[in-house]
N, C-alpha and C. Protein backbone atom coordinates (compact mmCIF):
# COMPACT_ATOMS: atom_id res chain seq x y z
N MET A 1 194.03 293.65 275.18
CA MET A 1 193.10 292.88 275.95
C MET A 1 193.02 293.39 277.38
N PHE A 2 194.14 293.62 277.96
CA PHE A 2 194.17 294.13 279.32
C PHE A 2 193.55 295.52 279.37
N ARG A 3 193.81 296.32 278.30
CA ARG A 3 193.29 297.67 278.24
C ARG A 3 191.77 297.66 278.11
N GLN A 4 191.21 296.74 277.34
CA GLN A 4 189.76 296.67 277.17
C GLN A 4 189.07 296.29 278.47
N SER A 5 189.62 295.34 279.17
CA SER A 5 189.00 294.94 280.44
C SER A 5 189.08 296.07 281.46
N LEU A 6 190.16 296.82 281.44
CA LEU A 6 190.31 297.95 282.35
C LEU A 6 189.29 299.03 282.02
N CYS A 7 189.06 299.28 280.73
CA CYS A 7 188.08 300.28 280.31
C CYS A 7 186.67 299.85 280.69
N ARG A 8 186.36 298.56 280.47
CA ARG A 8 185.04 298.06 280.84
C ARG A 8 184.81 298.18 282.35
N THR A 9 185.82 297.88 283.13
CA THR A 9 185.70 297.98 284.59
C THR A 9 185.46 299.43 284.99
N ALA A 10 186.15 300.35 284.36
CA ALA A 10 185.97 301.77 284.67
C ALA A 10 184.57 302.23 284.29
N GLN A 11 184.06 301.76 283.12
CA GLN A 11 182.71 302.14 282.70
C GLN A 11 181.67 301.58 283.67
N ASN A 12 181.83 300.33 284.04
CA ASN A 12 180.88 299.73 284.98
C ASN A 12 180.93 300.43 286.34
N ALA A 13 182.11 300.79 286.77
CA ALA A 13 182.25 301.47 288.06
C ALA A 13 181.58 302.83 288.03
N SER A 14 181.73 303.58 286.92
CA SER A 14 181.11 304.90 286.85
C SER A 14 179.59 304.77 286.74
N ARG A 15 179.13 303.74 286.06
CA ARG A 15 177.70 303.53 285.93
C ARG A 15 177.09 303.11 287.26
N LEU A 16 177.77 302.27 288.00
CA LEU A 16 177.25 301.80 289.28
C LEU A 16 177.43 302.82 290.40
N ALA A 17 178.33 303.76 290.23
CA ALA A 17 178.57 304.75 291.28
C ALA A 17 177.37 305.67 291.45
N GLY A 18 176.62 305.91 290.41
CA GLY A 18 175.47 306.78 290.49
C GLY A 18 174.25 306.12 291.10
N ARG A 19 174.27 304.82 291.23
CA ARG A 19 173.12 304.10 291.77
C ARG A 19 173.17 304.05 293.29
N ARG A 20 172.00 304.01 293.87
CA ARG A 20 171.90 303.83 295.32
C ARG A 20 171.36 302.43 295.56
N PHE A 21 172.13 301.66 296.29
CA PHE A 21 171.72 300.28 296.54
C PHE A 21 170.83 300.23 297.77
N GLN A 22 169.94 299.27 297.78
CA GLN A 22 169.00 299.10 298.88
C GLN A 22 169.72 298.82 300.20
N SER A 23 170.83 298.12 300.14
CA SER A 23 171.53 297.74 301.36
C SER A 23 172.09 298.95 302.09
N THR A 24 172.42 300.04 301.40
CA THR A 24 172.95 301.21 302.09
C THR A 24 171.86 301.97 302.82
N ALA A 25 170.63 301.87 302.38
CA ALA A 25 169.54 302.58 303.03
C ALA A 25 169.09 301.88 304.30
N ASN A 26 169.33 300.60 304.41
CA ASN A 26 168.84 299.84 305.54
C ASN A 26 169.88 299.64 306.65
N VAL A 27 171.00 300.31 306.56
CA VAL A 27 171.99 300.18 307.62
C VAL A 27 171.43 300.86 308.86
N PRO A 28 171.31 300.13 309.96
CA PRO A 28 170.72 300.75 311.15
C PRO A 28 171.63 301.83 311.72
N VAL A 29 171.01 302.91 312.17
CA VAL A 29 171.77 304.02 312.73
C VAL A 29 172.34 303.63 314.09
N LEU A 30 171.54 302.94 314.89
CA LEU A 30 171.96 302.48 316.22
C LEU A 30 171.73 300.98 316.27
N ALA A 31 172.78 300.21 316.06
CA ALA A 31 172.64 298.76 315.96
C ALA A 31 172.45 298.11 317.32
N ASN A 32 173.14 298.59 318.33
CA ASN A 32 173.10 297.98 319.65
C ASN A 32 172.52 298.99 320.64
N PHE A 33 171.31 298.73 321.15
CA PHE A 33 170.64 299.68 322.02
C PHE A 33 171.37 299.88 323.35
N GLU A 34 172.04 298.84 323.83
CA GLU A 34 172.71 298.93 325.13
C GLU A 34 173.87 299.92 325.11
N GLN A 35 174.42 300.18 323.92
CA GLN A 35 175.55 301.11 323.85
C GLN A 35 175.09 302.55 323.97
N TRP A 36 173.80 302.82 323.88
CA TRP A 36 173.29 304.19 323.94
C TRP A 36 173.68 304.87 325.25
N VAL A 37 173.63 304.15 326.35
CA VAL A 37 173.93 304.73 327.66
C VAL A 37 175.40 305.11 327.77
N THR A 38 176.27 304.36 327.12
CA THR A 38 177.71 304.61 327.23
C THR A 38 178.21 305.68 326.27
N LEU A 39 177.39 306.10 325.32
CA LEU A 39 177.82 307.11 324.35
C LEU A 39 177.87 308.49 325.01
N SER A 40 178.72 309.35 324.46
CA SER A 40 178.78 310.73 324.96
C SER A 40 177.55 311.49 324.48
N GLU A 41 177.32 312.66 325.06
CA GLU A 41 176.14 313.44 324.68
C GLU A 41 176.21 313.90 323.23
N VAL A 42 177.41 314.18 322.76
CA VAL A 42 177.58 314.61 321.37
C VAL A 42 177.19 313.48 320.42
N GLU A 43 177.66 312.27 320.72
CA GLU A 43 177.32 311.12 319.88
C GLU A 43 175.83 310.81 319.96
N GLN A 44 175.25 310.93 321.15
CA GLN A 44 173.81 310.69 321.29
C GLN A 44 173.02 311.71 320.47
N GLN A 45 173.43 312.96 320.52
CA GLN A 45 172.76 313.99 319.74
C GLN A 45 172.89 313.72 318.25
N LYS A 46 174.06 313.29 317.83
CA LYS A 46 174.30 312.99 316.41
C LYS A 46 173.40 311.85 315.95
N ILE A 47 173.33 310.80 316.75
CA ILE A 47 172.49 309.64 316.38
C ILE A 47 171.02 310.03 316.38
N SER A 48 170.59 310.83 317.36
CA SER A 48 169.17 311.21 317.38
C SER A 48 168.80 312.08 316.19
N THR A 49 169.71 312.95 315.74
CA THR A 49 169.41 313.73 314.54
C THR A 49 169.40 312.85 313.30
N GLN A 50 170.30 311.86 313.24
CA GLN A 50 170.29 310.92 312.11
C GLN A 50 168.97 310.14 312.09
N LEU A 51 168.53 309.71 313.26
CA LEU A 51 167.26 308.97 313.32
C LEU A 51 166.09 309.87 312.95
N ALA A 52 166.14 311.12 313.34
CA ALA A 52 165.07 312.05 312.96
C ALA A 52 165.02 312.22 311.44
N GLU A 53 166.18 312.30 310.80
CA GLU A 53 166.23 312.41 309.34
C GLU A 53 165.70 311.14 308.68
N VAL A 54 166.06 309.99 309.23
CA VAL A 54 165.59 308.72 308.67
C VAL A 54 164.08 308.62 308.81
N MET A 55 163.54 309.06 309.94
CA MET A 55 162.11 308.92 310.18
C MET A 55 161.29 309.92 309.37
N LYS A 56 161.92 310.93 308.78
CA LYS A 56 161.20 311.86 307.90
C LYS A 56 160.83 311.20 306.58
N ASN A 57 161.52 310.13 306.22
CA ASN A 57 161.24 309.42 304.97
C ASN A 57 159.96 308.61 305.11
N ASP A 58 159.60 307.94 304.03
CA ASP A 58 158.44 307.07 304.04
C ASP A 58 158.66 305.95 305.06
N TRP A 59 157.71 305.75 305.95
CA TRP A 59 157.89 304.77 307.02
C TRP A 59 157.91 303.34 306.51
N ASN A 60 157.35 303.11 305.35
CA ASN A 60 157.42 301.77 304.78
C ASN A 60 158.82 301.45 304.30
N ALA A 61 159.59 302.48 303.95
CA ALA A 61 160.95 302.27 303.48
C ALA A 61 161.96 302.21 304.63
N VAL A 62 161.56 302.68 305.82
CA VAL A 62 162.47 302.67 306.97
C VAL A 62 162.57 301.25 307.51
N SER A 63 163.78 300.84 307.82
CA SER A 63 163.98 299.47 308.31
C SER A 63 163.43 299.32 309.73
N THR A 64 163.14 298.09 310.07
CA THR A 64 162.63 297.78 311.41
C THR A 64 163.65 298.14 312.48
N GLU A 65 164.93 297.94 312.20
CA GLU A 65 165.97 298.26 313.17
C GLU A 65 165.99 299.76 313.47
N ASN A 66 165.82 300.58 312.44
CA ASN A 66 165.80 302.02 312.66
C ASN A 66 164.55 302.46 313.41
N LYS A 67 163.43 301.80 313.16
CA LYS A 67 162.21 302.11 313.92
C LYS A 67 162.40 301.76 315.39
N LYS A 68 163.00 300.59 315.63
CA LYS A 68 163.27 300.18 317.02
C LYS A 68 164.25 301.13 317.69
N ALA A 69 165.27 301.55 316.95
CA ALA A 69 166.26 302.48 317.50
C ALA A 69 165.61 303.83 317.84
N ALA A 70 164.75 304.32 316.95
CA ALA A 70 164.07 305.59 317.21
C ALA A 70 163.17 305.48 318.43
N TYR A 71 162.48 304.36 318.56
CA TYR A 71 161.62 304.16 319.73
C TYR A 71 162.46 304.10 321.00
N TYR A 72 163.59 303.40 320.95
CA TYR A 72 164.43 303.28 322.14
C TYR A 72 165.01 304.63 322.54
N VAL A 73 165.44 305.42 321.57
CA VAL A 73 166.00 306.73 321.88
C VAL A 73 164.92 307.62 322.51
N ALA A 74 163.69 307.52 322.01
CA ALA A 74 162.63 308.37 322.53
C ALA A 74 162.07 307.87 323.86
N TYR A 75 161.86 306.56 324.00
CA TYR A 75 161.13 306.03 325.15
C TYR A 75 161.87 304.93 325.90
N GLY A 76 163.12 304.69 325.62
CA GLY A 76 163.85 303.57 326.22
C GLY A 76 164.16 303.77 327.69
N LEU A 77 164.67 302.70 328.30
CA LEU A 77 165.00 302.72 329.72
C LEU A 77 166.39 303.31 329.93
N HIS A 78 166.49 304.61 329.76
CA HIS A 78 167.74 305.32 330.01
C HIS A 78 167.37 306.69 330.54
N GLY A 79 168.31 307.32 331.21
CA GLY A 79 168.04 308.64 331.77
C GLY A 79 167.07 308.55 332.93
N VAL A 80 166.01 309.38 332.89
CA VAL A 80 165.04 309.40 333.98
C VAL A 80 164.15 308.17 334.01
N ARG A 81 164.06 307.45 332.90
CA ARG A 81 163.23 306.25 332.86
C ARG A 81 164.00 305.00 333.23
N GLU A 82 165.24 305.16 333.64
CA GLU A 82 166.04 304.00 334.04
C GLU A 82 165.49 303.47 335.36
N PRO A 83 165.26 302.17 335.47
CA PRO A 83 164.68 301.63 336.70
C PRO A 83 165.61 301.85 337.89
N ARG A 84 165.01 302.19 339.02
CA ARG A 84 165.80 302.41 340.24
C ARG A 84 166.21 301.09 340.86
N GLU A 85 165.37 300.10 340.73
CA GLU A 85 165.65 298.81 341.34
C GLU A 85 166.61 298.02 340.47
N LYS A 86 167.53 297.39 341.10
CA LYS A 86 168.46 296.50 340.40
C LYS A 86 167.97 295.07 340.57
N PRO A 87 168.45 294.14 339.76
CA PRO A 87 168.05 292.74 339.94
C PRO A 87 168.45 292.25 341.33
N GLY A 88 167.51 291.61 342.01
CA GLY A 88 167.77 291.09 343.35
C GLY A 88 167.26 292.01 344.45
N ASP A 89 166.86 293.24 344.12
CA ASP A 89 166.36 294.15 345.14
C ASP A 89 165.03 293.69 345.72
N THR A 90 164.19 293.08 344.90
CA THR A 90 162.89 292.61 345.37
C THR A 90 163.06 291.57 346.46
N GLN A 91 163.98 290.66 346.27
CA GLN A 91 164.22 289.62 347.27
C GLN A 91 164.74 290.25 348.57
N LYS A 92 165.60 291.23 348.48
CA LYS A 92 166.11 291.90 349.68
C LYS A 92 164.99 292.61 350.43
N ILE A 93 164.10 293.25 349.70
CA ILE A 93 162.99 293.96 350.33
C ILE A 93 162.06 292.99 351.03
N ILE A 94 161.73 291.88 350.38
CA ILE A 94 160.84 290.89 350.98
C ILE A 94 161.47 290.28 352.23
N LEU A 95 162.74 289.91 352.14
CA LEU A 95 163.42 289.33 353.31
C LEU A 95 163.54 290.34 354.44
N GLY A 96 163.82 291.58 354.13
CA GLY A 96 163.91 292.62 355.16
C GLY A 96 162.58 292.85 355.85
N THR A 97 161.50 292.89 355.06
CA THR A 97 160.17 293.08 355.63
C THR A 97 159.78 291.91 356.52
N LEU A 98 160.02 290.69 356.04
CA LEU A 98 159.70 289.51 356.86
C LEU A 98 160.55 289.49 358.14
N GLY A 99 161.80 289.90 358.05
CA GLY A 99 162.66 289.96 359.23
C GLY A 99 162.14 290.95 360.26
N LEU A 100 161.72 292.13 359.80
CA LEU A 100 161.18 293.13 360.73
C LEU A 100 159.87 292.67 361.36
N ILE A 101 159.03 291.99 360.59
CA ILE A 101 157.79 291.46 361.15
C ILE A 101 158.10 290.40 362.20
N ALA A 102 159.06 289.53 361.94
CA ALA A 102 159.44 288.49 362.91
C ALA A 102 159.99 289.12 364.19
N ILE A 103 160.81 290.15 364.05
CA ILE A 103 161.36 290.82 365.24
C ILE A 103 160.25 291.47 366.05
N SER A 104 159.32 292.15 365.38
CA SER A 104 158.24 292.82 366.11
C SER A 104 157.32 291.81 366.79
N LEU A 105 157.05 290.68 366.13
CA LEU A 105 156.22 289.65 366.77
C LEU A 105 156.92 289.04 367.97
N SER A 106 158.22 288.81 367.86
CA SER A 106 158.93 288.22 369.00
C SER A 106 158.99 289.19 370.18
N VAL A 107 159.20 290.48 369.92
CA VAL A 107 159.20 291.46 371.01
C VAL A 107 157.82 291.56 371.64
N SER A 108 156.79 291.57 370.82
CA SER A 108 155.42 291.64 371.34
C SER A 108 155.09 290.41 372.19
N THR A 109 155.46 289.23 371.71
CA THR A 109 155.20 288.00 372.47
C THR A 109 155.98 288.00 373.78
N TYR A 110 157.21 288.43 373.75
CA TYR A 110 158.02 288.49 374.98
C TYR A 110 157.39 289.44 375.99
N LEU A 111 156.95 290.61 375.54
CA LEU A 111 156.35 291.56 376.47
C LEU A 111 155.03 291.05 377.03
N ARG A 112 154.27 290.31 376.26
CA ARG A 112 153.01 289.76 376.77
C ARG A 112 153.24 288.67 377.80
N THR A 113 154.25 287.84 377.58
CA THR A 113 154.48 286.72 378.51
C THR A 113 155.28 287.13 379.73
N LYS A 114 156.27 288.00 379.57
CA LYS A 114 157.15 288.36 380.67
C LYS A 114 156.85 289.73 381.28
N GLY A 115 155.98 290.48 380.66
CA GLY A 115 155.71 291.83 381.14
C GLY A 115 154.83 291.82 382.39
N GLU A 116 154.69 293.00 383.02
CA GLU A 116 153.85 293.13 384.21
C GLU A 116 152.38 293.11 383.82
N VAL A 117 151.59 292.53 384.69
CA VAL A 117 150.14 292.53 384.50
C VAL A 117 149.62 293.87 384.99
N PRO A 118 148.74 294.53 384.24
CA PRO A 118 148.20 295.81 384.71
C PRO A 118 147.45 295.66 386.03
N ARG A 119 147.45 296.71 386.85
CA ARG A 119 146.83 296.62 388.17
C ARG A 119 145.32 296.46 388.09
N THR A 120 144.74 296.81 386.96
CA THR A 120 143.29 296.67 386.82
C THR A 120 142.88 295.25 386.48
N MET A 121 143.84 294.35 386.29
CA MET A 121 143.51 292.97 385.92
C MET A 121 143.46 292.04 387.13
N ASN A 122 143.70 292.54 388.36
CA ASN A 122 143.60 291.63 389.50
C ASN A 122 142.15 291.50 389.95
N LYS A 123 141.88 290.48 390.72
CA LYS A 123 140.51 290.10 391.10
C LYS A 123 139.84 291.19 391.94
N GLU A 124 140.56 291.78 392.87
CA GLU A 124 139.97 292.80 393.75
C GLU A 124 139.51 294.03 392.96
N TRP A 125 140.32 294.44 391.99
CA TRP A 125 139.97 295.62 391.18
C TRP A 125 138.70 295.34 390.37
N GLN A 126 138.60 294.16 389.81
CA GLN A 126 137.43 293.81 388.99
C GLN A 126 136.17 293.73 389.85
N GLN A 127 136.28 293.20 391.07
CA GLN A 127 135.11 293.15 391.96
C GLN A 127 134.71 294.55 392.40
N ALA A 128 135.69 295.42 392.61
CA ALA A 128 135.39 296.80 392.96
C ALA A 128 134.71 297.50 391.78
N SER A 129 135.10 297.15 390.56
CA SER A 129 134.45 297.72 389.38
C SER A 129 133.00 297.27 389.29
N ASN A 130 132.71 296.02 389.66
CA ASN A 130 131.33 295.53 389.69
C ASN A 130 130.50 296.33 390.70
N GLU A 131 131.03 296.54 391.90
CA GLU A 131 130.30 297.30 392.93
C GLU A 131 130.06 298.73 392.48
N TYR A 132 131.06 299.36 391.86
CA TYR A 132 130.92 300.73 391.37
C TYR A 132 129.84 300.81 390.29
N ALA A 133 129.79 299.79 389.41
CA ALA A 133 128.78 299.78 388.34
C ALA A 133 127.38 299.64 388.92
N LYS A 134 127.22 298.83 389.98
CA LYS A 134 125.90 298.66 390.60
C LYS A 134 125.48 299.93 391.33
N GLU A 135 126.42 300.59 392.01
CA GLU A 135 126.10 301.82 392.74
C GLU A 135 125.69 302.94 391.80
N ASN A 136 126.32 303.04 390.65
CA ASN A 136 126.04 304.12 389.71
C ASN A 136 125.03 303.73 388.64
N ASN A 137 124.42 302.56 388.78
CA ASN A 137 123.36 302.10 387.89
C ASN A 137 123.81 302.10 386.42
N MET A 138 124.96 301.48 386.17
CA MET A 138 125.50 301.38 384.81
C MET A 138 124.73 300.33 384.02
N ASN A 139 124.29 300.67 382.82
CA ASN A 139 123.59 299.78 381.90
C ASN A 139 122.43 299.07 382.62
N PRO A 140 121.40 299.82 382.99
CA PRO A 140 120.30 299.25 383.78
C PRO A 140 119.37 298.33 382.99
N ILE A 141 119.48 298.30 381.67
CA ILE A 141 118.56 297.47 380.90
C ILE A 141 119.09 296.06 380.74
N HIS A 142 120.33 295.90 380.28
CA HIS A 142 120.87 294.57 380.04
C HIS A 142 122.12 294.27 380.87
N GLY A 143 122.69 295.26 381.50
CA GLY A 143 123.98 295.09 382.14
C GLY A 143 123.91 294.66 383.59
N ILE A 144 124.95 295.01 384.30
CA ILE A 144 125.16 294.54 385.67
C ILE A 144 124.13 295.12 386.64
N SER A 145 123.52 296.27 386.32
CA SER A 145 122.54 296.90 387.21
C SER A 145 121.12 296.46 386.92
N SER A 146 120.92 295.64 385.93
CA SER A 146 119.56 295.21 385.58
C SER A 146 119.05 294.18 386.57
N GLU A 147 117.71 294.04 386.63
CA GLU A 147 117.10 293.05 387.52
C GLU A 147 117.37 291.65 386.98
N GLY A 148 117.73 290.74 387.83
CA GLY A 148 117.95 289.36 387.45
C GLY A 148 119.23 289.12 386.67
N TYR A 149 120.22 290.01 386.78
CA TYR A 149 121.49 289.83 386.06
C TYR A 149 122.26 288.69 386.68
N SER A 150 122.70 287.73 385.86
CA SER A 150 123.39 286.56 386.40
C SER A 150 124.81 286.41 385.87
N GLY A 151 125.35 287.42 385.17
CA GLY A 151 126.70 287.33 384.60
C GLY A 151 127.78 287.65 385.63
N LYS A 152 129.02 287.58 385.19
CA LYS A 152 130.15 287.85 386.08
C LYS A 152 130.49 289.33 386.14
N GLY A 153 129.98 290.14 385.25
CA GLY A 153 130.29 291.56 385.23
C GLY A 153 131.68 291.80 384.68
N PHE A 154 132.48 292.54 385.45
CA PHE A 154 133.83 292.88 385.00
C PHE A 154 134.87 291.85 385.42
N VAL A 155 134.47 290.86 386.20
CA VAL A 155 135.41 289.84 386.66
C VAL A 155 135.67 288.86 385.52
N GLN A 156 136.95 288.59 385.30
CA GLN A 156 137.30 287.67 384.21
C GLN A 156 137.72 286.33 384.75
């Protein structure tokens, strides 16, 4: 009895050994995409050749995981396509830009309020500019040299 069951098991094992099960074909070559960056170049090359062999088969028979792995190896965010910005960099850039704008506005406001007034902004200079414009007939149609002009001219 024991011998018969052992023989049957051996026959079933030899018969099943020649079969290819569907589950072995669908084992993903690269299960975790994040590990791709940490692999050595030899392992990456090995996986990419395995994926190339898998993709040579009928695409309807290729598992979705292997298709995703092949896409990630070809076009994923690793190597030169790795983003330069890290999480939180955008906030730092915005805060830095706003800080520089605030500093420049405060310096500009300080210089306007506390700075020297140009010498051309005093009353005597502006009146002299009016006399010079009249002597040299500046803008004789509508300006200070025209007949009947009633404006202030260069005086502010």
